[in-house]
Amino acid sequence: MRFFSKTIMIFSGCYFLSACSQGGIDSSPEELFIGHSFFKPFANNMEPLQQSAGLDGRTFEVVFSGGSNGAPQALWENDKKRDIIQGYLDGGNVELFAMTYESTYPTDEGYINWIDYALSNNPETTFVMALPWPDYPQDYATAEEYASIWHTAHDEAWSELVNSLRGLYPNNEFISLPYGQSALELRTLLEQDRLSDVDVMIGNV
């Protein structure tokens, strides 16, 4: 499972580096990532991935909360987490602000709250909307079924959400980051016995 998770992280990280670059730690970071455990590994490993790609370092911060607590709306409603994130945004140095998704909070409320707050001090910020893979892959009989669920969500509700935010904030760039697709591809490879170092889909971490 560790190998499987690391491979997902590398695939997705390389995709992300084509759109932006990350770096170290600062009280007023250039890049800010907020989310749950399906997003944290990518954010935390942007620096080594960036270095391996030969890109210049940038300061970044990660604010994490597990499971549904890492949804944008949940982080907004958490006084402690909100204060931390707002503190970074208040510095006015954030050029890229990345948020992920959790299905317990399917509306745009949390995203809009954070976007409005971010723009008050960081008017030219680029926003990254990151869509993870579906949880509990063992509950899906085949890789095709697993992928179908994700693609339907991406093509319909997710695209509608991202496009609606682009319409509300036409002066800012919104990057849709479908990093969850890496897990679909790895599930397919596993089903085809093409991941020689992986014996099980879900194991003890």
N, C-alpha and C. Protein backbone atom coordinates (compact mmCIF):
# COMPACT_ATOMS: atom_id res chain seq x y z
N MET A 1 0.82 -1.20 0.00
CA MET A 1 0.00 0.00 0.00
C MET A 1 0.86 1.25 0.00
N ARG A 2 2.00 1.19 0.70
CA ARG A 2 2.88 2.35 0.71
C ARG A 2 3.40 2.65 -0.69
N PHE A 3 3.82 1.59 -1.38
CA PHE A 3 4.32 1.79 -2.75
C PHE A 3 3.22 2.36 -3.63
N PHE A 4 2.02 1.81 -3.49
CA PHE A 4 0.88 2.26 -4.29
C PHE A 4 0.61 3.74 -4.04
N SER A 5 0.61 4.15 -2.76
CA SER A 5 0.35 5.54 -2.40
C SER A 5 1.45 6.46 -2.90
N LYS A 6 2.70 6.01 -2.78
CA LYS A 6 3.81 6.84 -3.25
C LYS A 6 3.76 7.01 -4.76
N THR A 7 3.37 5.95 -5.47
CA THR A 7 3.28 6.05 -6.92
C THR A 7 2.19 7.03 -7.33
N ILE A 8 1.05 6.98 -6.65
CA ILE A 8 -0.01 7.96 -6.91
C ILE A 8 0.53 9.37 -6.70
N MET A 9 1.26 9.56 -5.60
CA MET A 9 1.79 10.88 -5.28
C MET A 9 2.73 11.38 -6.37
N ILE A 10 3.60 10.52 -6.87
CA ILE A 10 4.56 10.92 -7.89
C ILE A 10 3.86 11.26 -9.20
N PHE A 11 2.92 10.41 -9.63
CA PHE A 11 2.17 10.68 -10.86
C PHE A 11 1.46 12.02 -10.78
N SER A 12 0.76 12.25 -9.67
CA SER A 12 -0.01 13.47 -9.52
C SER A 12 0.89 14.68 -9.33
N GLY A 13 1.98 14.48 -8.59
CA GLY A 13 2.90 15.59 -8.36
C GLY A 13 3.51 16.09 -9.65
N CYS A 14 3.88 15.19 -10.52
CA CYS A 14 4.44 15.59 -11.81
C CYS A 14 3.42 16.37 -12.63
N TYR A 15 2.16 15.96 -12.56
CA TYR A 15 1.09 16.69 -13.26
C TYR A 15 0.98 18.09 -12.70
N PHE A 16 1.03 18.19 -11.35
CA PHE A 16 0.88 19.48 -10.70
C PHE A 16 2.04 20.40 -11.06
N LEU A 17 3.25 19.88 -11.12
CA LEU A 17 4.41 20.71 -11.40
C LEU A 17 4.36 21.34 -12.78
N SER A 18 3.56 20.79 -13.66
CA SER A 18 3.41 21.39 -14.98
C SER A 18 2.61 22.68 -14.92
N ALA A 19 1.88 22.87 -13.81
CA ALA A 19 1.05 24.06 -13.66
C ALA A 19 1.63 25.05 -12.67
N CYS A 20 2.40 24.59 -11.68
CA CYS A 20 2.90 25.49 -10.66
C CYS A 20 4.10 24.86 -9.99
N SER A 21 4.80 25.65 -9.14
CA SER A 21 5.96 25.15 -8.42
C SER A 21 5.85 25.52 -6.95
N GLN A 22 6.46 24.69 -6.08
CA GLN A 22 6.34 24.88 -4.66
C GLN A 22 7.70 24.98 -4.00
N GLY A 23 7.74 25.29 -2.71
CA GLY A 23 9.00 25.41 -2.02
C GLY A 23 8.90 25.26 -0.53
N GLY A 24 9.64 26.09 0.24
CA GLY A 24 9.81 25.89 1.66
C GLY A 24 8.70 26.43 2.54
N ILE A 25 9.07 27.07 3.66
CA ILE A 25 8.11 27.50 4.65
C ILE A 25 8.32 28.98 4.95
N ASP A 26 7.24 29.71 5.11
CA ASP A 26 7.34 31.14 5.40
C ASP A 26 6.07 31.58 6.10
N SER A 27 6.16 32.68 6.88
CA SER A 27 4.98 33.17 7.58
C SER A 27 3.95 33.76 6.62
N SER A 28 4.41 34.19 5.46
CA SER A 28 3.51 34.67 4.42
C SER A 28 3.89 33.96 3.13
N PRO A 29 3.41 32.74 2.95
CA PRO A 29 3.88 31.89 1.84
C PRO A 29 3.40 32.37 0.48
N GLU A 30 4.15 31.97 -0.52
CA GLU A 30 3.72 32.24 -1.90
C GLU A 30 2.65 31.26 -2.35
N GLU A 31 2.66 30.08 -1.75
CA GLU A 31 1.69 29.05 -2.13
C GLU A 31 1.12 28.40 -0.88
N LEU A 32 -0.19 28.20 -0.89
CA LEU A 32 -0.90 27.70 0.29
C LEU A 32 -1.79 26.54 -0.11
N PHE A 33 -1.68 25.43 0.61
CA PHE A 33 -2.44 24.22 0.33
C PHE A 33 -3.27 23.86 1.56
N ILE A 34 -4.57 23.65 1.38
CA ILE A 34 -5.42 23.24 2.49
C ILE A 34 -6.22 22.00 2.08
N GLY A 35 -6.37 21.04 3.02
CA GLY A 35 -7.12 19.85 2.64
C GLY A 35 -6.98 18.71 3.63
N HIS A 36 -7.28 17.50 3.14
CA HIS A 36 -7.30 16.30 3.97
C HIS A 36 -6.15 15.36 3.59
N SER A 37 -6.22 14.12 4.09
CA SER A 37 -5.11 13.19 3.93
C SER A 37 -4.89 12.75 2.49
N PHE A 38 -5.89 12.87 1.63
CA PHE A 38 -5.71 12.51 0.22
C PHE A 38 -4.99 13.61 -0.55
N PHE A 39 -4.80 14.77 0.08
CA PHE A 39 -4.15 15.90 -0.58
C PHE A 39 -2.82 16.26 0.08
N LYS A 40 -2.72 16.03 1.37
CA LYS A 40 -1.53 16.43 2.12
C LYS A 40 -0.22 15.86 1.56
N PRO A 41 -0.15 14.56 1.19
CA PRO A 41 1.12 14.03 0.70
C PRO A 41 1.64 14.75 -0.54
N PHE A 42 0.75 15.17 -1.42
CA PHE A 42 1.18 15.88 -2.62
C PHE A 42 1.75 17.24 -2.26
N ALA A 43 1.05 17.94 -1.39
CA ALA A 43 1.51 19.26 -0.98
C ALA A 43 2.85 19.18 -0.27
N ASN A 44 3.00 18.22 0.63
CA ASN A 44 4.24 18.09 1.40
C ASN A 44 5.42 17.69 0.54
N ASN A 45 5.17 17.07 -0.59
CA ASN A 45 6.27 16.57 -1.43
C ASN A 45 6.49 17.40 -2.68
N MET A 46 5.90 18.58 -2.74
CA MET A 46 6.13 19.43 -3.89
C MET A 46 7.57 19.91 -3.97
N GLU A 47 8.19 20.16 -2.82
CA GLU A 47 9.56 20.67 -2.84
C GLU A 47 10.54 19.67 -3.47
N PRO A 48 10.61 18.41 -3.03
CA PRO A 48 11.53 17.49 -3.69
C PRO A 48 11.17 17.21 -5.14
N LEU A 49 9.87 17.18 -5.45
CA LEU A 49 9.46 16.98 -6.84
C LEU A 49 9.89 18.17 -7.69
N GLN A 50 9.75 19.35 -7.12
CA GLN A 50 10.17 20.56 -7.81
C GLN A 50 11.67 20.55 -8.07
N GLN A 51 12.43 20.17 -7.05
CA GLN A 51 13.88 20.13 -7.20
C GLN A 51 14.30 19.13 -8.26
N SER A 52 13.64 17.98 -8.29
CA SER A 52 13.99 16.96 -9.28
C SER A 52 13.65 17.43 -10.69
N ALA A 53 12.67 18.34 -10.79
CA ALA A 53 12.29 18.88 -12.09
C ALA A 53 13.12 20.10 -12.48
N GLY A 54 14.04 20.52 -11.59
CA GLY A 54 14.91 21.64 -11.89
C GLY A 54 14.23 22.99 -11.81
N LEU A 55 13.17 23.10 -11.00
CA LEU A 55 12.43 24.35 -10.87
C LEU A 55 12.88 25.10 -9.62
N ASP A 56 12.78 26.43 -9.66
CA ASP A 56 13.16 27.26 -8.53
C ASP A 56 12.19 27.07 -7.37
N GLY A 57 12.71 27.15 -6.15
CA GLY A 57 11.90 26.96 -4.96
C GLY A 57 11.00 28.15 -4.67
N ARG A 58 9.86 27.85 -4.06
CA ARG A 58 8.93 28.88 -3.64
C ARG A 58 8.45 28.51 -2.24
N THR A 59 8.13 29.51 -1.45
CA THR A 59 7.67 29.24 -0.10
C THR A 59 6.24 28.71 -0.12
N PHE A 60 5.95 27.75 0.76
CA PHE A 60 4.59 27.22 0.81
C PHE A 60 4.24 26.76 2.22
N GLU A 61 2.96 26.68 2.47
CA GLU A 61 2.44 26.17 3.73
C GLU A 61 1.32 25.18 3.44
N VAL A 62 1.15 24.22 4.34
CA VAL A 62 0.09 23.22 4.23
C VAL A 62 -0.72 23.23 5.52
N VAL A 63 -2.03 23.35 5.41
CA VAL A 63 -2.92 23.24 6.57
C VAL A 63 -3.80 22.02 6.34
N PHE A 64 -3.72 21.07 7.26
CA PHE A 64 -4.34 19.76 7.07
C PHE A 64 -5.34 19.45 8.18
N SER A 65 -6.41 18.75 7.80
CA SER A 65 -7.34 18.18 8.77
C SER A 65 -7.92 16.91 8.15
N GLY A 66 -7.99 15.83 8.90
CA GLY A 66 -8.34 14.54 8.33
C GLY A 66 -9.77 14.38 7.87
N GLY A 67 -9.95 13.58 6.81
CA GLY A 67 -11.28 13.23 6.31
C GLY A 67 -12.11 14.42 5.90
N SER A 68 -13.39 14.37 6.25
CA SER A 68 -14.30 15.45 5.86
C SER A 68 -13.91 16.78 6.49
N ASN A 69 -13.13 16.74 7.57
CA ASN A 69 -12.69 17.97 8.23
C ASN A 69 -11.73 18.78 7.36
N GLY A 70 -11.22 18.16 6.29
CA GLY A 70 -10.31 18.87 5.40
C GLY A 70 -11.00 19.53 4.23
N ALA A 71 -12.32 19.42 4.15
CA ALA A 71 -13.07 20.11 3.09
C ALA A 71 -12.98 21.62 3.32
N PRO A 72 -12.99 22.43 2.25
CA PRO A 72 -12.89 23.88 2.43
C PRO A 72 -13.91 24.45 3.41
N GLN A 73 -15.15 24.02 3.32
CA GLN A 73 -16.18 24.54 4.22
C GLN A 73 -15.91 24.12 5.67
N ALA A 74 -15.48 22.88 5.87
CA ALA A 74 -15.17 22.41 7.22
C ALA A 74 -14.01 23.19 7.83
N LEU A 75 -13.00 23.48 7.03
CA LEU A 75 -11.87 24.27 7.51
C LEU A 75 -12.30 25.69 7.84
N TRP A 76 -13.24 26.22 7.06
CA TRP A 76 -13.76 27.56 7.33
C TRP A 76 -14.53 27.58 8.65
N GLU A 77 -15.24 26.53 8.95
CA GLU A 77 -16.07 26.47 10.15
C GLU A 77 -15.27 26.07 11.40
N ASN A 78 -14.03 25.67 11.22
CA ASN A 78 -13.15 25.31 12.33
C ASN A 78 -12.36 26.57 12.73
N ASP A 79 -12.68 27.13 13.89
CA ASP A 79 -12.09 28.41 14.30
C ASP A 79 -10.57 28.38 14.29
N LYS A 80 -9.99 27.31 14.82
CA LYS A 80 -8.53 27.23 14.91
C LYS A 80 -7.89 27.15 13.53
N LYS A 81 -8.41 26.27 12.68
CA LYS A 81 -7.85 26.13 11.34
C LYS A 81 -8.08 27.39 10.52
N ARG A 82 -9.27 27.99 10.65
CA ARG A 82 -9.56 29.20 9.90
C ARG A 82 -8.59 30.32 10.27
N ASP A 83 -8.30 30.46 11.56
CA ASP A 83 -7.38 31.51 11.99
C ASP A 83 -5.99 31.30 11.40
N ILE A 84 -5.54 30.05 11.35
CA ILE A 84 -4.22 29.76 10.79
C ILE A 84 -4.18 30.11 9.31
N ILE A 85 -5.17 29.65 8.58
CA ILE A 85 -5.20 29.90 7.13
C ILE A 85 -5.34 31.39 6.84
N GLN A 86 -6.22 32.05 7.57
CA GLN A 86 -6.40 33.49 7.36
C GLN A 86 -5.12 34.25 7.68
N GLY A 87 -4.37 33.77 8.67
CA GLY A 87 -3.11 34.41 9.00
C GLY A 87 -2.14 34.38 7.83
N TYR A 88 -2.08 33.25 7.13
CA TYR A 88 -1.21 33.16 5.96
C TYR A 88 -1.71 34.08 4.84
N LEU A 89 -3.01 34.11 4.64
CA LEU A 89 -3.58 34.94 3.58
C LEU A 89 -3.45 36.42 3.89
N ASP A 90 -3.48 36.79 5.16
CA ASP A 90 -3.38 38.19 5.55
C ASP A 90 -2.04 38.80 5.16
N GLY A 91 -1.03 37.96 4.98
CA GLY A 91 0.29 38.48 4.60
C GLY A 91 0.34 39.07 3.21
N GLY A 92 -0.64 38.75 2.38
CA GLY A 92 -0.72 39.34 1.04
C GLY A 92 0.31 38.84 0.06
N ASN A 93 0.90 37.68 0.34
CA ASN A 93 1.98 37.17 -0.52
C ASN A 93 1.59 35.91 -1.27
N VAL A 94 0.36 35.44 -1.10
CA VAL A 94 -0.07 34.16 -1.66
C VAL A 94 -0.39 34.31 -3.15
N GLU A 95 0.38 33.64 -3.97
CA GLU A 95 0.18 33.67 -5.42
C GLU A 95 -0.62 32.48 -5.91
N LEU A 96 -0.63 31.40 -5.12
CA LEU A 96 -1.36 30.20 -5.50
C LEU A 96 -2.01 29.60 -4.26
N PHE A 97 -3.30 29.33 -4.35
CA PHE A 97 -4.08 28.82 -3.22
C PHE A 97 -4.80 27.56 -3.68
N ALA A 98 -4.43 26.42 -3.10
CA ALA A 98 -4.96 25.13 -3.54
C ALA A 98 -5.90 24.53 -2.50
N MET A 99 -7.06 24.07 -2.97
CA MET A 99 -8.05 23.43 -2.11
C MET A 99 -8.48 22.12 -2.76
N THR A 100 -8.87 21.17 -1.94
CA THR A 100 -9.33 19.89 -2.46
C THR A 100 -10.84 19.73 -2.24
N TYR A 101 -11.32 18.50 -2.36
CA TYR A 101 -12.77 18.24 -2.30
C TYR A 101 -13.05 17.07 -1.36
N GLU A 102 -14.21 17.15 -0.68
CA GLU A 102 -14.68 16.04 0.14
C GLU A 102 -16.20 16.04 0.04
N SER A 103 -16.77 14.89 -0.26
CA SER A 103 -18.17 14.82 -0.67
C SER A 103 -19.18 15.18 0.42
N THR A 104 -18.75 15.21 1.67
CA THR A 104 -19.66 15.64 2.73
C THR A 104 -20.10 17.08 2.54
N TYR A 105 -19.27 17.85 1.87
CA TYR A 105 -19.56 19.27 1.61
C TYR A 105 -19.56 19.50 0.10
N PRO A 106 -20.64 19.17 -0.60
CA PRO A 106 -20.65 19.19 -2.07
C PRO A 106 -20.90 20.55 -2.70
N THR A 107 -21.25 21.57 -1.91
CA THR A 107 -21.59 22.87 -2.49
C THR A 107 -20.36 23.75 -2.64
N ASP A 108 -20.58 24.93 -3.21
CA ASP A 108 -19.48 25.88 -3.43
C ASP A 108 -19.27 26.82 -2.25
N GLU A 109 -20.04 26.67 -1.18
CA GLU A 109 -19.99 27.62 -0.07
C GLU A 109 -18.59 27.80 0.51
N GLY A 110 -17.94 26.70 0.83
CA GLY A 110 -16.62 26.79 1.43
C GLY A 110 -15.60 27.40 0.49
N TYR A 111 -15.66 27.04 -0.78
CA TYR A 111 -14.73 27.60 -1.76
C TYR A 111 -14.91 29.11 -1.87
N ILE A 112 -16.15 29.55 -1.96
CA ILE A 112 -16.42 30.98 -2.09
C ILE A 112 -15.95 31.74 -0.86
N ASN A 113 -16.18 31.19 0.32
CA ASN A 113 -15.70 31.85 1.54
C ASN A 113 -14.20 32.08 1.49
N TRP A 114 -13.46 31.03 1.11
CA TRP A 114 -12.01 31.15 1.08
C TRP A 114 -11.53 32.03 -0.07
N ILE A 115 -12.17 31.92 -1.20
CA ILE A 115 -11.76 32.75 -2.34
C ILE A 115 -11.96 34.22 -2.04
N ASP A 116 -13.12 34.57 -1.50
CA ASP A 116 -13.39 35.96 -1.17
C ASP A 116 -12.38 36.49 -0.16
N TYR A 117 -12.08 35.68 0.84
CA TYR A 117 -11.12 36.12 1.86
C TYR A 117 -9.72 36.26 1.25
N ALA A 118 -9.34 35.29 0.46
CA ALA A 118 -8.00 35.34 -0.15
C ALA A 118 -7.82 36.58 -1.01
N LEU A 119 -8.83 36.90 -1.80
CA LEU A 119 -8.72 38.01 -2.74
C LEU A 119 -8.66 39.36 -2.05
N SER A 120 -9.11 39.44 -0.81
CA SER A 120 -9.08 40.73 -0.11
C SER A 120 -7.66 41.23 0.10
N ASN A 121 -6.70 40.33 0.19
CA ASN A 121 -5.30 40.73 0.35
C ASN A 121 -4.38 40.17 -0.73
N ASN A 122 -4.91 39.30 -1.58
CA ASN A 122 -4.11 38.66 -2.63
C ASN A 122 -4.92 38.68 -3.92
N PRO A 123 -5.13 39.86 -4.51
CA PRO A 123 -6.08 40.00 -5.62
C PRO A 123 -5.72 39.25 -6.89
N GLU A 124 -4.46 38.88 -7.06
CA GLU A 124 -4.04 38.20 -8.29
C GLU A 124 -3.78 36.72 -8.08
N THR A 125 -4.25 36.18 -6.98
CA THR A 125 -4.03 34.77 -6.65
C THR A 125 -4.61 33.83 -7.71
N THR A 126 -3.86 32.79 -8.01
CA THR A 126 -4.35 31.69 -8.83
C THR A 126 -4.87 30.60 -7.89
N PHE A 127 -6.03 30.05 -8.21
CA PHE A 127 -6.64 29.03 -7.37
C PHE A 127 -6.53 27.66 -8.04
N VAL A 128 -6.19 26.66 -7.24
CA VAL A 128 -6.14 25.28 -7.71
C VAL A 128 -7.27 24.50 -7.05
N MET A 129 -8.10 23.89 -7.87
CA MET A 129 -9.20 23.05 -7.39
C MET A 129 -8.80 21.60 -7.65
N ALA A 130 -8.57 20.85 -6.59
CA ALA A 130 -8.00 19.51 -6.72
C ALA A 130 -9.03 18.43 -6.40
N LEU A 131 -9.26 17.52 -7.35
CA LEU A 131 -10.24 16.45 -7.19
C LEU A 131 -9.53 15.13 -6.89
N PRO A 132 -9.74 14.55 -5.69
CA PRO A 132 -9.08 13.29 -5.34
C PRO A 132 -9.75 12.08 -5.95
N TRP A 133 -9.23 10.90 -5.64
CA TRP A 133 -9.81 9.65 -6.10
C TRP A 133 -10.92 9.22 -5.13
N PRO A 134 -11.82 8.34 -5.56
CA PRO A 134 -12.86 7.85 -4.66
C PRO A 134 -12.27 7.00 -3.53
N ASP A 135 -12.84 7.15 -2.37
CA ASP A 135 -12.40 6.37 -1.22
C ASP A 135 -12.85 4.91 -1.35
N TYR A 136 -12.23 4.04 -0.57
CA TYR A 136 -12.58 2.62 -0.49
C TYR A 136 -12.60 1.94 -1.87
N PRO A 137 -11.48 1.92 -2.56
CA PRO A 137 -11.44 1.30 -3.89
C PRO A 137 -11.80 -0.19 -3.88
N GLN A 138 -11.62 -0.84 -2.73
CA GLN A 138 -11.94 -2.27 -2.65
C GLN A 138 -13.44 -2.53 -2.76
N ASP A 139 -14.25 -1.48 -2.62
CA ASP A 139 -15.70 -1.64 -2.72
C ASP A 139 -16.19 -1.72 -4.17
N TYR A 140 -15.28 -1.49 -5.11
CA TYR A 140 -15.64 -1.53 -6.53
C TYR A 140 -15.08 -2.81 -7.14
N ALA A 141 -15.92 -3.54 -7.85
CA ALA A 141 -15.55 -4.87 -8.33
C ALA A 141 -14.41 -4.84 -9.34
N THR A 142 -14.38 -3.83 -10.18
CA THR A 142 -13.37 -3.76 -11.24
C THR A 142 -12.78 -2.36 -11.34
N ALA A 143 -11.64 -2.28 -12.01
CA ALA A 143 -11.02 -0.98 -12.25
C ALA A 143 -11.92 -0.11 -13.13
N GLU A 144 -12.62 -0.74 -14.05
CA GLU A 144 -13.51 0.01 -14.94
C GLU A 144 -14.65 0.67 -14.15
N GLU A 145 -15.22 -0.08 -13.22
CA GLU A 145 -16.30 0.48 -12.40
C GLU A 145 -15.78 1.62 -11.53
N TYR A 146 -14.61 1.42 -10.94
CA TYR A 146 -13.99 2.44 -10.09
C TYR A 146 -13.74 3.72 -10.89
N ALA A 147 -13.21 3.56 -12.09
CA ALA A 147 -12.92 4.72 -12.94
C ALA A 147 -14.19 5.42 -13.39
N SER A 148 -15.22 4.64 -13.68
CA SER A 148 -16.47 5.21 -14.17
C SER A 148 -17.09 6.17 -13.16
N ILE A 149 -17.06 5.81 -11.89
CA ILE A 149 -17.60 6.66 -10.83
C ILE A 149 -16.87 8.00 -10.81
N TRP A 150 -15.54 7.93 -10.87
CA TRP A 150 -14.74 9.16 -10.82
C TRP A 150 -14.97 10.02 -12.04
N HIS A 151 -14.94 9.43 -13.24
CA HIS A 151 -15.10 10.21 -14.46
C HIS A 151 -16.47 10.88 -14.53
N THR A 152 -17.49 10.20 -14.06
CA THR A 152 -18.83 10.81 -14.05
C THR A 152 -18.85 12.03 -13.13
N ALA A 153 -18.26 11.89 -11.95
CA ALA A 153 -18.21 13.01 -11.01
C ALA A 153 -17.39 14.16 -11.59
N HIS A 154 -16.25 13.83 -12.22
CA HIS A 154 -15.39 14.86 -12.79
C HIS A 154 -16.08 15.60 -13.93
N ASP A 155 -16.69 14.86 -14.83
CA ASP A 155 -17.26 15.46 -16.04
C ASP A 155 -18.53 16.25 -15.75
N GLU A 156 -19.22 15.91 -14.68
CA GLU A 156 -20.49 16.57 -14.38
C GLU A 156 -20.35 17.55 -13.21
N ALA A 157 -20.50 17.10 -12.00
CA ALA A 157 -20.56 18.00 -10.85
C ALA A 157 -19.27 18.80 -10.66
N TRP A 158 -18.11 18.13 -10.84
CA TRP A 158 -16.84 18.83 -10.61
C TRP A 158 -16.61 19.92 -11.65
N SER A 159 -16.80 19.60 -12.91
CA SER A 159 -16.60 20.60 -13.96
C SER A 159 -17.57 21.76 -13.80
N GLU A 160 -18.79 21.45 -13.39
CA GLU A 160 -19.78 22.51 -13.16
C GLU A 160 -19.34 23.44 -12.04
N LEU A 161 -18.80 22.86 -10.97
CA LEU A 161 -18.31 23.66 -9.85
C LEU A 161 -17.17 24.57 -10.27
N VAL A 162 -16.17 24.01 -10.93
CA VAL A 162 -15.01 24.80 -11.33
C VAL A 162 -15.42 25.90 -12.31
N ASN A 163 -16.24 25.57 -13.27
CA ASN A 163 -16.66 26.56 -14.26
C ASN A 163 -17.51 27.66 -13.63
N SER A 164 -18.32 27.30 -12.64
CA SER A 164 -19.12 28.33 -11.97
C SER A 164 -18.23 29.31 -11.22
N LEU A 165 -17.16 28.82 -10.61
CA LEU A 165 -16.23 29.70 -9.91
C LEU A 165 -15.46 30.57 -10.89
N ARG A 166 -15.12 30.02 -12.02
CA ARG A 166 -14.46 30.82 -13.06
C ARG A 166 -15.37 31.95 -13.51
N GLY A 167 -16.68 31.67 -13.58
CA GLY A 167 -17.63 32.71 -13.97
C GLY A 167 -17.78 33.78 -12.91
N LEU A 168 -17.73 33.38 -11.64
CA LEU A 168 -17.87 34.34 -10.54
C LEU A 168 -16.63 35.21 -10.38
N TYR A 169 -15.48 34.68 -10.75
CA TYR A 169 -14.21 35.40 -10.55
C TYR A 169 -13.43 35.42 -11.86
N PRO A 170 -13.90 36.18 -12.84
CA PRO A 170 -13.28 36.15 -14.18
C PRO A 170 -11.87 36.72 -14.23
N ASN A 171 -11.46 37.46 -13.23
CA ASN A 171 -10.14 38.08 -13.24
C ASN A 171 -9.05 37.19 -12.65
N ASN A 172 -9.44 36.02 -12.19
CA ASN A 172 -8.47 35.10 -11.59
C ASN A 172 -8.46 33.77 -12.33
N GLU A 173 -7.31 33.14 -12.31
CA GLU A 173 -7.17 31.83 -12.96
C GLU A 173 -7.55 30.72 -12.00
N PHE A 174 -8.30 29.75 -12.50
CA PHE A 174 -8.67 28.57 -11.73
C PHE A 174 -8.14 27.34 -12.46
N ILE A 175 -7.24 26.62 -11.81
CA ILE A 175 -6.67 25.40 -12.36
C ILE A 175 -7.44 24.21 -11.80
N SER A 176 -8.01 23.41 -12.67
CA SER A 176 -8.65 22.18 -12.25
C SER A 176 -7.60 21.07 -12.25
N LEU A 177 -7.36 20.49 -11.09
CA LEU A 177 -6.32 19.47 -10.94
C LEU A 177 -6.97 18.12 -10.63
N PRO A 178 -7.19 17.29 -11.64
CA PRO A 178 -7.84 15.98 -11.43
C PRO A 178 -6.84 14.91 -10.98
N TYR A 179 -6.16 15.18 -9.87
CA TYR A 179 -5.08 14.27 -9.46
C TYR A 179 -5.57 12.88 -9.08
N GLY A 180 -6.85 12.76 -8.80
CA GLY A 180 -7.40 11.45 -8.47
C GLY A 180 -7.34 10.46 -9.61
N GLN A 181 -7.17 10.95 -10.83
CA GLN A 181 -7.11 10.05 -11.98
C GLN A 181 -5.91 9.11 -11.89
N SER A 182 -4.87 9.54 -11.20
CA SER A 182 -3.69 8.67 -11.07
C SER A 182 -4.04 7.36 -10.37
N ALA A 183 -4.95 7.42 -9.38
CA ALA A 183 -5.35 6.20 -8.68
C ALA A 183 -6.14 5.27 -9.58
N LEU A 184 -6.91 5.84 -10.49
CA LEU A 184 -7.67 5.00 -11.43
C LEU A 184 -6.72 4.23 -12.33
N GLU A 185 -5.70 4.92 -12.81
CA GLU A 185 -4.75 4.28 -13.70
C GLU A 185 -3.95 3.20 -12.97
N LEU A 186 -3.60 3.49 -11.72
CA LEU A 186 -2.87 2.49 -10.94
C LEU A 186 -3.74 1.28 -10.61
N ARG A 187 -5.02 1.52 -10.35
CA ARG A 187 -5.94 0.40 -10.11
C ARG A 187 -6.01 -0.50 -11.35
N THR A 188 -6.02 0.12 -12.52
CA THR A 188 -6.04 -0.65 -13.76
C THR A 188 -4.77 -1.48 -13.92
N LEU A 189 -3.62 -0.86 -13.63
CA LEU A 189 -2.35 -1.58 -13.72
C LEU A 189 -2.30 -2.73 -12.73
N LEU A 190 -2.82 -2.51 -11.53
CA LEU A 190 -2.84 -3.57 -10.53
C LEU A 190 -3.70 -4.74 -10.99
N GLU A 191 -4.84 -4.43 -11.57
CA GLU A 191 -5.75 -5.47 -12.06
C GLU A 191 -5.12 -6.27 -13.20
N GLN A 192 -4.23 -5.63 -13.95
CA GLN A 192 -3.56 -6.28 -15.07
C GLN A 192 -2.24 -6.93 -14.65
N ASP A 193 -1.96 -6.95 -13.34
CA ASP A 193 -0.70 -7.51 -12.81
C ASP A 193 0.52 -6.83 -13.39
N ARG A 194 0.43 -5.52 -13.54
CA ARG A 194 1.54 -4.76 -14.11
C ARG A 194 2.24 -3.89 -13.07
N LEU A 195 1.92 -4.10 -11.79
CA LEU A 195 2.64 -3.44 -10.69
C LEU A 195 3.36 -4.53 -9.91
N SER A 196 4.57 -4.80 -10.30
CA SER A 196 5.29 -5.97 -9.78
C SER A 196 5.56 -5.89 -8.28
N ASP A 197 5.65 -4.69 -7.72
CA ASP A 197 5.97 -4.53 -6.31
C ASP A 197 4.73 -4.44 -5.42
N VAL A 198 3.55 -4.55 -6.01
CA VAL A 198 2.31 -4.40 -5.25
C VAL A 198 1.55 -5.72 -5.26
N ASP A 199 1.26 -6.24 -4.07
CA ASP A 199 0.54 -7.51 -3.96
C ASP A 199 -0.93 -7.34 -3.63
N VAL A 200 -1.27 -6.26 -2.93
CA VAL A 200 -2.65 -6.03 -2.50
C VAL A 200 -3.04 -4.59 -2.78
N MET A 201 -4.34 -4.37 -2.92
CA MET A 201 -4.84 -3.02 -3.15
C MET A 201 -4.82 -2.19 -1.87
N ILE A 202 -5.26 -2.79 -0.78
CA ILE A 202 -5.30 -2.12 0.51
C ILE A 202 -4.50 -2.96 1.51
N GLY A 203 -3.54 -2.32 2.18
CA GLY A 203 -2.73 -3.03 3.15
C GLY A 203 -2.51 -2.19 4.38
N ASN A 204 -1.74 -2.70 5.32
CA ASN A 204 -1.42 -1.96 6.54
C ASN A 204 -0.33 -0.94 6.25
N VAL A 205 -0.59 0.30 6.65
CA VAL A 205 0.38 1.37 6.43
C VAL A 205 1.15 1.62 7.71
